[in-house]
C-alpha atoms as a PDB file:
ATOM      1  CA  MET A   1     -12.079  38.144 -32.341  1.00  0.00           C
ATOM      2  CA  LEU A   2     -13.370  41.229 -30.517  1.00  0.00           C
ATOM      3  CA  ILE A   3     -14.625  39.140 -27.638  1.00  0.00           C
ATOM      4  CA  ARG A   4     -11.292  37.354 -27.431  1.00  0.00           C
ATOM      5  CA  GLN A   5      -9.441  40.682 -27.448  1.00  0.00           C
ATOM      6  CA  LEU A   6     -11.675  42.117 -24.736  1.00  0.00           C
ATOM      7  CA  SER A   7     -11.315  39.011 -22.599  1.00  0.00           C
ATOM      8  CA  ARG A   8      -7.611  38.259 -23.052  1.00  0.00           C
ATOM      9  CA  ASP A   9      -5.958  41.545 -23.868  1.00  0.00           C
ATOM     10  CA  GLN A  10      -8.073  43.917 -21.806  1.00  0.00           C
ATOM     11  CA  ASN A  11      -9.086  41.543 -19.036  1.00  0.00           C
ATOM     12  CA  TYR A  12     -12.788  42.125 -19.443  1.00  0.00           C
ATOM     13  CA  SER A  13     -15.117  39.812 -17.541  1.00  0.00           C
ATOM     14  CA  ILE A  14     -18.094  38.226 -19.281  1.00  0.00           C
ATOM     15  CA  LYS A  15     -20.407  40.791 -17.677  1.00  0.00           C
ATOM     16  CA  GLN A  16     -18.199  43.563 -18.913  1.00  0.00           C
ATOM     17  CA  ILE A  17     -18.200  42.158 -22.444  1.00  0.00           C
ATOM     18  CA  GLU A  18     -21.999  41.889 -22.290  1.00  0.00           C
ATOM     19  CA  TYR A  19     -22.238  45.503 -21.070  1.00  0.00           C
ATOM     20  CA  TYR A  20     -19.823  46.555 -23.821  1.00  0.00           C
ATOM     21  CA  PHE A  21     -22.134  45.183 -26.543  1.00  0.00           C
ATOM     22  CA  THR A  22     -25.362  46.351 -24.918  1.00  0.00           C
ATOM     23  CA  THR A  23     -24.168  49.932 -24.504  1.00  0.00           C
ATOM     24  CA  ASP A  24     -23.000  50.375 -28.052  1.00  0.00           C
ATOM     25  CA  GLU A  25     -19.421  49.513 -27.364  1.00  0.00           C
ATOM     26  CA  THR A  26     -18.825  52.126 -24.699  1.00  0.00           C
ATOM     27  CA  LYS A  27     -15.391  51.713 -23.206  1.00  0.00           C
ATOM     28  CA  ILE A  28     -15.251  50.643 -19.594  1.00  0.00           C
ATOM     29  CA  ASN A  29     -12.379  49.896 -17.263  1.00  0.00           C
ATOM     30  CA  PRO A  30     -11.718  46.205 -16.669  1.00  0.00           C
ATOM     31  CA  GLU A  31     -12.328  44.614 -13.289  1.00  0.00           C
ATOM     32  CA  PRO A  32      -9.141  44.098 -11.386  1.00  0.00           C
ATOM     33  CA  VAL A  33      -7.992  40.497 -11.473  1.00  0.00           C
ATOM     34  CA  GLU A  34      -6.871  39.164  -8.108  1.00  0.00           C
ATOM     35  CA  GLU A  35      -3.413  37.749  -8.273  1.00  0.00           C
ATOM     36  CA  SER A  36      -2.172  35.336  -5.694  1.00  0.00           C
ATOM     37  CA  SER A  37       0.642  36.789  -3.669  1.00  0.00           C
ATOM     38  CA  SER A  38       3.816  34.872  -3.265  1.00  0.00           C
ATOM     39  CA  ASP A  39       3.078  34.689   0.466  1.00  0.00           C
ATOM     40  CA  ASP A  40      -0.236  32.936  -0.205  1.00  0.00           C
ATOM     41  CA  ILE A  41       1.523  30.476  -2.526  1.00  0.00           C
ATOM     42  CA  ARG A  42       4.260  29.918   0.087  1.00  0.00           C
ATOM     43  CA  LYS A  43       1.659  29.231   2.804  1.00  0.00           C
ATOM     44  CA  ASP A  44      -0.181  26.769   0.548  1.00  0.00           C
ATOM     45  CA  LEU A  45       3.106  25.071  -0.292  1.00  0.00           C
ATOM     46  CA  ASP A  46       4.073  24.830   3.366  1.00  0.00           C
ATOM     47  CA  THR A  47       0.673  23.328   4.177  1.00  0.00           C
ATOM     48  CA  ILE A  48       1.108  20.785   1.400  1.00  0.00           C
ATOM     49  CA  LEU A  49       4.594  19.893   2.637  1.00  0.00           C
ATOM     50  CA  GLU A  50       3.323  19.405   6.191  1.00  0.00           C
ATOM     51  CA  ARG A  51       0.553  17.165   5.024  1.00  0.00           C
ATOM     52  CA  LEU A  52       2.989  15.232   2.905  1.00  0.00           C
ATOM     53  CA  GLU A  53       5.273  14.701   5.900  1.00  0.00           C
ATOM     54  CA  LEU A  54       2.346  13.493   8.021  1.00  0.00           C
ATOM     55  CA  GLN A  55       1.277  11.151   5.239  1.00  0.00           C
ATOM     56  CA  GLY A  56       4.850   9.756   5.100  1.00  0.00           C
ATOM     57  CA  GLN A  57       4.845   9.189   8.852  1.00  0.00           C
ATOM     58  CA  PHE A  58       1.453   7.487   8.630  1.00  0.00           C
ATOM     59  CA  ASN A  59       2.707   5.254   5.797  1.00  0.00           C
ATOM     60  CA  GLN A  60       5.734   4.177   7.865  1.00  0.00           C
ATOM     61  CA  ALA A  61       3.605   3.332  10.895  1.00  0.00           C
ATOM     62  CA  LEU A  62       1.235   1.390   8.679  1.00  0.00           C
ATOM     63  CA  VAL A  63       4.109  -0.608   7.120  1.00  0.00           C
ATOM     64  CA  MET A  64       5.429  -1.434  10.537  1.00  0.00           C
ATOM     65  CA  LYS A  65       2.004  -2.639  11.715  1.00  0.00           C
ATOM     66  CA  LEU A  66       1.611  -4.732   8.595  1.00  0.00           C
ATOM     67  CA  ASP A  67       5.090  -6.259   9.201  1.00  0.00           C
ATOM     68  CA  GLU A  68       4.070  -7.137  12.799  1.00  0.00           C
ATOM     69  CA  GLN A  69       0.849  -8.770  11.573  1.00  0.00           C
ATOM     70  CA  GLN A  70       2.698 -10.719   8.928  1.00  0.00           C
ATOM     71  CA  HIS A  71       5.162 -11.985  11.549  1.00  0.00           C
ATOM     72  CA  TYR A  72       2.265 -12.953  13.846  1.00  0.00           C
ATOM     73  CA  ILE A  73       0.535 -14.857  11.003  1.00  0.00           C
ATOM     74  CA  LYS A  74       3.787 -16.696  10.134  1.00  0.00           C
ATOM     75  CA  GLU A  75       4.293 -17.710  13.771  1.00  0.00           C
ATOM     76  CA  SER A  76       0.695 -18.840  14.122  1.00  0.00           C
ATOM     77  CA  LEU A  77       0.892 -20.941  10.976  1.00  0.00           C
ATOM     78  CA  ASN A  78       4.210 -22.513  12.071  1.00  0.00           C
ATOM     79  CA  LYS A  79       2.687 -23.425  15.512  1.00  0.00           C
ATOM     80  CA  ARG A  80      -0.378 -24.890  13.806  1.00  0.00           C
ATOM     81  CA  ASP A  81       1.809 -26.945  11.439  1.00  0.00           C
ATOM     82  CA  GLN A  82       3.873 -28.198  14.311  1.00  0.00           C
ATOM     83  CA  LEU A  83       0.808 -29.255  16.294  1.00  0.00           C
ATOM     84  CA  LEU A  84      -0.631 -31.013  13.210  1.00  0.00           C
ATOM     85  CA  LEU A  85       2.687 -32.864  12.673  1.00  0.00           C
ATOM     86  CA  GLU A  86       2.758 -33.924  16.348  1.00  0.00           C
ATOM     87  CA  SER A  87      -0.842 -35.061  16.200  1.00  0.00           C
ATOM     88  CA  LEU A  88      -0.198 -37.051  13.038  1.00  0.00           C
ATOM     89  CA  LYS A  89       2.815 -38.716  14.565  1.00  0.00           C
ATOM     90  CA  ALA A  90       0.848 -39.595  17.716  1.00  0.00           C
ATOM     91  CA  SER A  91      -1.956 -40.992  15.566  1.00  0.00           C
ATOM     92  CA  GLN A  92       0.506 -43.151  13.537  1.00  0.00           C
ATOM     93  CA  GLU A  93       2.190 -44.377  16.758  1.00  0.00           C
ATOM     94  CA  ALA A  94      -1.195 -45.347  18.252  1.00  0.00           C
ATOM     95  CA  LYS A  95      -2.065 -47.296  15.063  1.00  0.00           C
ATOM     96  CA  MET A  96       1.305 -49.079  15.212  1.00  0.00           C
ATOM     97  CA  LYS A  97       0.760 -50.056  18.897  1.00  0.00           C
ATOM     98  CA  LYS A  98      -2.695 -51.286  18.131  1.00  0.00           C
ATOM     99  CA  LYS A  99      -1.418 -53.308  15.178  1.00  0.00           C
ATOM    100  CA  ARG A 100       1.384 -54.803  17.312  1.00  0.00           C
ATOM    101  CA  PHE A 101      -1.104 -55.647  20.066  1.00  0.00           C
ATOM    102  CA  PHE A 102      -3.409 -57.457  17.678  1.00  0.00           C
ATOM    103  CA  ASN A 103      -0.453 -59.170  16.006  1.00  0.00           C
ATOM    104  CA  TRP A 104       0.711 -60.432  19.368  1.00  0.00           C
ATOM    105  CA  PHE A 105      -2.719 -61.952  20.088  1.00  0.00           C
ATOM    106  CA  GLY A 106      -2.889 -63.324  16.644  1.00  0.00           C
ATOM    107  CA  SER A 107       0.469 -65.149  17.026  1.00  0.00           C
ATOM    108  CA  ASP A 108      -0.629 -66.800  20.412  1.00  0.00           C
ATOM    109  CA  LYS A 109      -3.701 -68.413  18.876  1.00  0.00           C
ATOM    110  CA  SER A 110      -1.785 -70.310  16.215  1.00  0.00           C
END
């Protein structure tokens, strides 16, 4: 309890508490505790707010870039699909022509 009282109530540091017990409980003045000034806190808060704003701007730019890439991918896939369909149609038409050609020759021989 005495250590707690020295630490909390009288703001003694650990070294001061140790000195207190080694010197037969001689009273000493506590070390001053540095308190953050409101100006320091305000500066830190302003810095945090600036960084938060920059992060927000970065996030917006990133989302725009991702949207552009998504649009590009969709366009590329649509073009690929269109080319595949055209190629499939051309392949089917060629088969039909070939089939008609051989059917025409087949009907002459009979």
